[in-house]
Protein backbone atom coordinates (compact mmCIF):
# COMPACT_ATOMS: atom_id res chain seq x y z
CA MET A 1 18.42 1.15 30.42
CA GLY A 2 15.49 2.18 32.55
CA ASP A 3 13.33 3.40 29.70
CA GLN A 4 9.88 2.16 28.80
CA LEU A 5 9.38 0.22 25.57
CA GLU A 6 6.10 0.37 23.67
CA THR A 7 5.31 -1.39 20.42
CA ALA A 8 2.90 -0.40 17.67
CA LEU A 9 1.85 -2.56 14.75
CA SER A 10 0.73 0.30 12.50
CA ALA A 11 1.48 3.95 11.87
CA ASP A 12 -1.92 4.92 13.25
CA ALA A 13 -1.27 2.96 16.46
CA LEU A 14 2.14 4.62 16.80
CA ILE A 15 0.70 8.11 16.35
CA ALA A 16 -2.06 7.31 18.85
CA LYS A 17 0.47 6.16 21.45
CA LEU A 18 2.58 9.28 21.01
CA THR A 19 -0.41 11.65 21.16
CA GLY A 20 -2.36 9.78 23.84
CA ALA A 21 0.18 10.44 26.58
CA ALA A 22 2.94 12.91 27.19
CA VAL A 23 6.08 11.20 25.89
CA PRO A 24 8.81 13.83 26.00
CA GLY A 25 12.07 12.63 24.54
CA ALA A 26 10.55 9.58 22.85
CA VAL A 27 12.74 7.70 20.41
CA VAL A 28 10.91 5.88 17.62
CA LEU A 29 12.44 2.74 16.15
CA LEU A 30 11.11 1.82 12.70
CA ASP A 31 11.73 -1.76 11.60
CA LEU A 32 11.73 -1.42 7.82
CA ASN A 33 11.25 -5.17 7.48
CA SER A 34 7.81 -4.98 9.12
CA PRO A 35 4.86 -5.22 6.75
CA GLY A 36 3.28 -1.91 5.88
CA VAL A 37 6.04 0.34 7.23
CA ASP A 38 6.24 3.29 4.85
CA PRO A 39 8.68 5.91 6.11
CA ALA A 40 7.45 8.45 3.54
CA ALA A 41 3.99 8.24 5.10
CA VAL A 42 4.82 7.96 8.80
CA VAL A 43 7.88 10.20 9.32
CA PRO A 44 6.17 13.48 8.31
CA ARG A 45 3.26 12.61 10.61
CA LEU A 46 5.65 11.96 13.48
CA LYS A 47 7.57 15.17 12.90
CA SER A 48 4.37 17.22 12.83
CA LEU A 49 3.15 16.04 16.25
CA PRO A 50 2.91 18.69 18.99
CA GLN A 51 5.64 16.74 20.82
CA PRO A 52 7.58 15.06 18.01
CA PRO A 53 9.95 12.22 18.84
CA GLN A 54 13.44 13.22 19.87
CA ALA A 55 14.74 10.85 17.20
CA ILE A 56 13.44 8.49 14.54
CA ILE A 57 15.76 5.55 13.98
CA ALA A 58 15.04 3.23 11.06
CA PHE A 59 16.71 -0.10 10.48
CA GLY A 60 16.34 -2.94 8.02
CA PRO A 61 18.16 -5.71 6.17
CA HIS A 62 21.24 -4.55 4.29
CA VAL A 63 19.88 -6.11 1.10
CA HIS A 64 16.87 -3.75 1.17
CA GLU A 65 18.82 -0.77 -0.10
CA GLN A 66 15.70 0.94 -1.49
CA LYS A 67 13.92 0.78 1.87
CA LEU A 68 16.97 2.17 3.65
CA ALA A 69 17.27 4.98 1.08
CA ALA A 70 13.54 5.73 1.40
CA ALA A 71 13.92 6.08 5.17
CA THR A 72 16.78 8.53 4.68
CA ALA A 73 14.77 10.50 2.12
CA ALA A 74 11.75 10.57 4.44
CA GLY A 75 13.82 12.33 7.10
CA CYS A 76 14.68 9.62 9.62
CA ASP A 77 17.38 10.89 11.95
CA VAL A 78 19.38 7.66 11.81
CA VAL A 79 19.14 4.88 9.22
CA LEU A 80 21.05 1.65 9.78
CA THR A 81 21.24 -1.88 8.50
CA ARG A 82 19.97 -4.46 10.96
CA GLY A 83 23.54 -5.52 11.76
CA GLN A 84 24.57 -1.92 12.45
CA PHE A 85 21.49 -1.42 14.60
CA ASP A 86 22.16 -4.59 16.59
CA SER A 87 25.75 -3.57 17.27
CA GLN A 88 25.02 0.13 17.97
CA MET A 89 21.62 -0.08 19.70
CA ARG A 90 22.89 0.42 23.26
CA GLU A 91 25.03 3.41 22.29
CA LEU A 92 22.23 5.03 20.26
CA LEU A 93 19.64 4.62 22.98
CA ALA A 94 22.09 5.86 25.61
CA LYS A 95 22.87 8.89 23.45
CA PHE A 96 19.23 9.85 23.02
CA SER A 97 18.31 8.95 26.62
CA ALA A 98 21.04 11.29 27.83
CA GLY A 99 19.40 14.09 25.84
CA LYS A 100 16.10 13.81 27.75
CA GLU A 101 15.14 16.45 30.23
């Protein structure tokens, strides 16, 4: 889709990537199945950045209902099961890419 993809293996690494360079319109994808991903800890930090992400999309296995609910409660903009994410990924990224300046 012409956008750049960066990965981060920890919340601190993610915050550093987003603050280390101007990333207007960034979309953060949180894989809730990754070890150590705590939406309650990372989402407020992301939203308080000088240039917060345009959207925070969390996804995880449908059987991890508590993790999905925690992501919603933490303030993620979109929370999906992995299957939903896989089937809607192109549309979601196109939607948020279209919103960039």
